[in-house]
């Protein structure tokens, strides 16, 4: 299928920098900080149960990745040092987070500031 989204070919947890590095079948590589992945988790705990129910997660500056576990051939579950592990990160989501990282991170920081909360 020519229109298929790229799949992940390799994942590396960079403990020294608290990042997940993901290589894709089309040759792209993304580096995603653990804190960014934690606050963007696709779990209901973060995303809520509807489009206007998204939660603002704060206080995750020092979070790290404890483990990355495969979910079928399409995703991974990431276990974070704060105990969060309920989000399933599909290859498509990881790729999207890589492409939108700068904009999403600025939006997150703005929402934190507006709420008077800290990373």
Protein backbone atom coordinates (compact mmCIF):
# COMPACT_ATOMS: atom_id res chain seq x y z
CA UNK A 1 0.00 0.00 0.00
CA UNK A 2 1.82 3.13 -1.22
CA UNK A 3 -0.14 5.52 1.02
CA UNK A 4 0.68 3.66 4.25
CA UNK A 5 2.18 5.77 7.00
CA UNK A 6 5.78 4.99 7.88
CA UNK A 7 6.24 2.39 10.60
CA UNK A 8 8.87 2.52 13.32
CA UNK A 9 11.89 0.36 12.61
CA UNK A 10 13.89 1.02 15.76
CA UNK A 11 13.31 2.69 19.12
CA UNK A 12 16.08 3.76 21.47
CA UNK A 13 15.67 5.16 24.97
CA UNK A 14 18.38 7.75 25.52
CA UNK A 15 18.62 7.72 29.30
CA UNK A 16 21.27 10.45 29.49
CA UNK A 17 18.98 12.93 27.72
CA UNK A 18 15.63 11.37 28.79
CA UNK A 19 14.49 10.99 25.18
CA UNK A 20 12.93 8.37 22.97
CA UNK A 21 14.55 8.20 19.54
CA UNK A 22 12.46 6.58 16.81
CA UNK A 23 13.58 5.58 13.31
CA UNK A 24 10.91 5.13 10.62
CA UNK A 25 10.75 3.06 7.44
CA UNK A 26 11.02 6.19 5.28
CA UNK A 27 14.38 7.14 6.84
CA UNK A 28 13.08 9.82 9.21
CA UNK A 29 14.20 9.91 12.83
CA UNK A 30 12.49 11.78 15.66
CA UNK A 31 13.78 12.49 19.16
CA UNK A 32 11.03 12.98 21.70
CA UNK A 33 11.77 14.13 25.27
CA UNK A 34 10.19 12.02 28.03
CA UNK A 35 8.50 15.08 29.54
CA UNK A 36 6.92 15.94 26.18
CA UNK A 37 5.69 12.36 25.69
CA UNK A 38 4.29 12.30 29.23
CA UNK A 39 2.28 15.52 28.88
CA UNK A 40 1.07 14.48 25.39
CA UNK A 41 0.16 10.92 26.41
CA UNK A 42 -2.79 9.55 24.43
CA UNK A 43 -4.28 8.12 27.64
CA UNK A 44 -7.72 9.15 28.87
CA UNK A 45 -5.98 10.43 32.01
CA UNK A 46 -4.39 13.17 29.87
CA UNK A 47 -6.67 13.47 26.83
CA UNK A 48 -9.90 13.07 28.77
CA UNK A 49 -13.00 11.44 27.34
CA UNK A 50 -14.01 14.12 24.86
CA UNK A 51 -12.57 16.91 22.71
CA UNK A 52 -12.95 19.55 25.45
CA UNK A 53 -11.83 17.34 28.33
CA UNK A 54 -8.04 17.49 27.85
CA UNK A 55 -6.11 17.72 31.14
CA UNK A 56 -3.18 20.03 31.78
CA UNK A 57 -0.40 17.88 33.22
CA UNK A 58 2.23 19.76 35.20
CA UNK A 59 5.22 18.94 37.39
CA UNK A 60 6.78 16.44 34.96
CA UNK A 61 10.10 18.20 34.26
CA UNK A 62 12.15 15.36 35.76
CA UNK A 63 10.15 12.42 34.42
CA UNK A 64 12.04 9.70 32.58
CA UNK A 65 11.22 6.63 30.53
CA UNK A 66 11.41 3.40 32.52
CA UNK A 67 10.39 0.99 29.76
CA UNK A 68 9.01 0.80 26.23
CA UNK A 69 6.83 -2.24 25.58
CA UNK A 70 5.50 -3.33 22.16
CA UNK A 71 1.76 -3.37 21.52
CA UNK A 72 1.20 -5.56 18.48
CA UNK A 73 3.04 -4.34 15.38
CA UNK A 74 1.64 -0.82 15.47
CA UNK A 75 2.45 0.84 18.79
CA UNK A 76 4.26 0.91 22.12
CA UNK A 77 3.27 1.47 25.72
CA UNK A 78 5.68 3.77 27.53
CA UNK A 79 6.16 3.38 31.27
CA UNK A 80 7.27 6.63 32.89
CA UNK A 81 9.13 7.12 36.17
CA UNK A 82 6.04 8.73 37.75
CA UNK A 83 4.11 5.46 37.30
CA UNK A 84 2.06 6.55 34.27
CA UNK A 85 1.77 3.73 31.72
CA UNK A 86 -1.74 3.80 30.29
CA UNK A 87 -1.10 5.53 26.97
CA UNK A 88 -0.65 3.55 23.74
CA UNK A 89 1.64 5.45 21.34
CA UNK A 90 1.00 4.30 17.76
CA UNK A 91 3.67 4.77 15.09
CA UNK A 92 1.44 7.43 13.49
CA UNK A 93 1.16 9.32 16.79
CA UNK A 94 4.91 9.18 17.43
CA UNK A 95 5.53 10.51 13.93
CA UNK A 96 2.93 13.26 14.40
CA UNK A 97 4.41 14.26 17.76
CA UNK A 98 7.81 14.50 16.10
CA UNK A 99 6.46 16.74 13.34
CA UNK A 100 4.43 18.94 15.69
CA UNK A 101 6.79 18.96 18.66
CA UNK A 102 7.77 22.64 18.54
CA UNK A 103 4.20 23.94 18.18
CA UNK A 104 2.76 21.55 20.75
CA UNK A 105 5.52 22.35 23.24
CA UNK A 106 4.95 26.13 22.91
CA UNK A 107 1.20 25.59 23.33
CA UNK A 108 1.84 23.49 26.45
CA UNK A 109 4.11 26.14 27.98
CA UNK A 110 1.53 28.84 27.25
CA UNK A 111 -1.25 26.78 28.85
CA UNK A 112 0.95 26.17 31.92
CA UNK A 113 1.69 29.88 32.26
CA UNK A 114 -1.99 30.81 31.87
CA UNK A 115 -2.88 28.33 34.61
CA UNK A 116 -0.07 29.55 36.90
CA UNK A 117 1.50 26.10 36.95
CA UNK A 118 5.06 24.86 36.52
CA UNK A 119 6.67 22.12 34.50
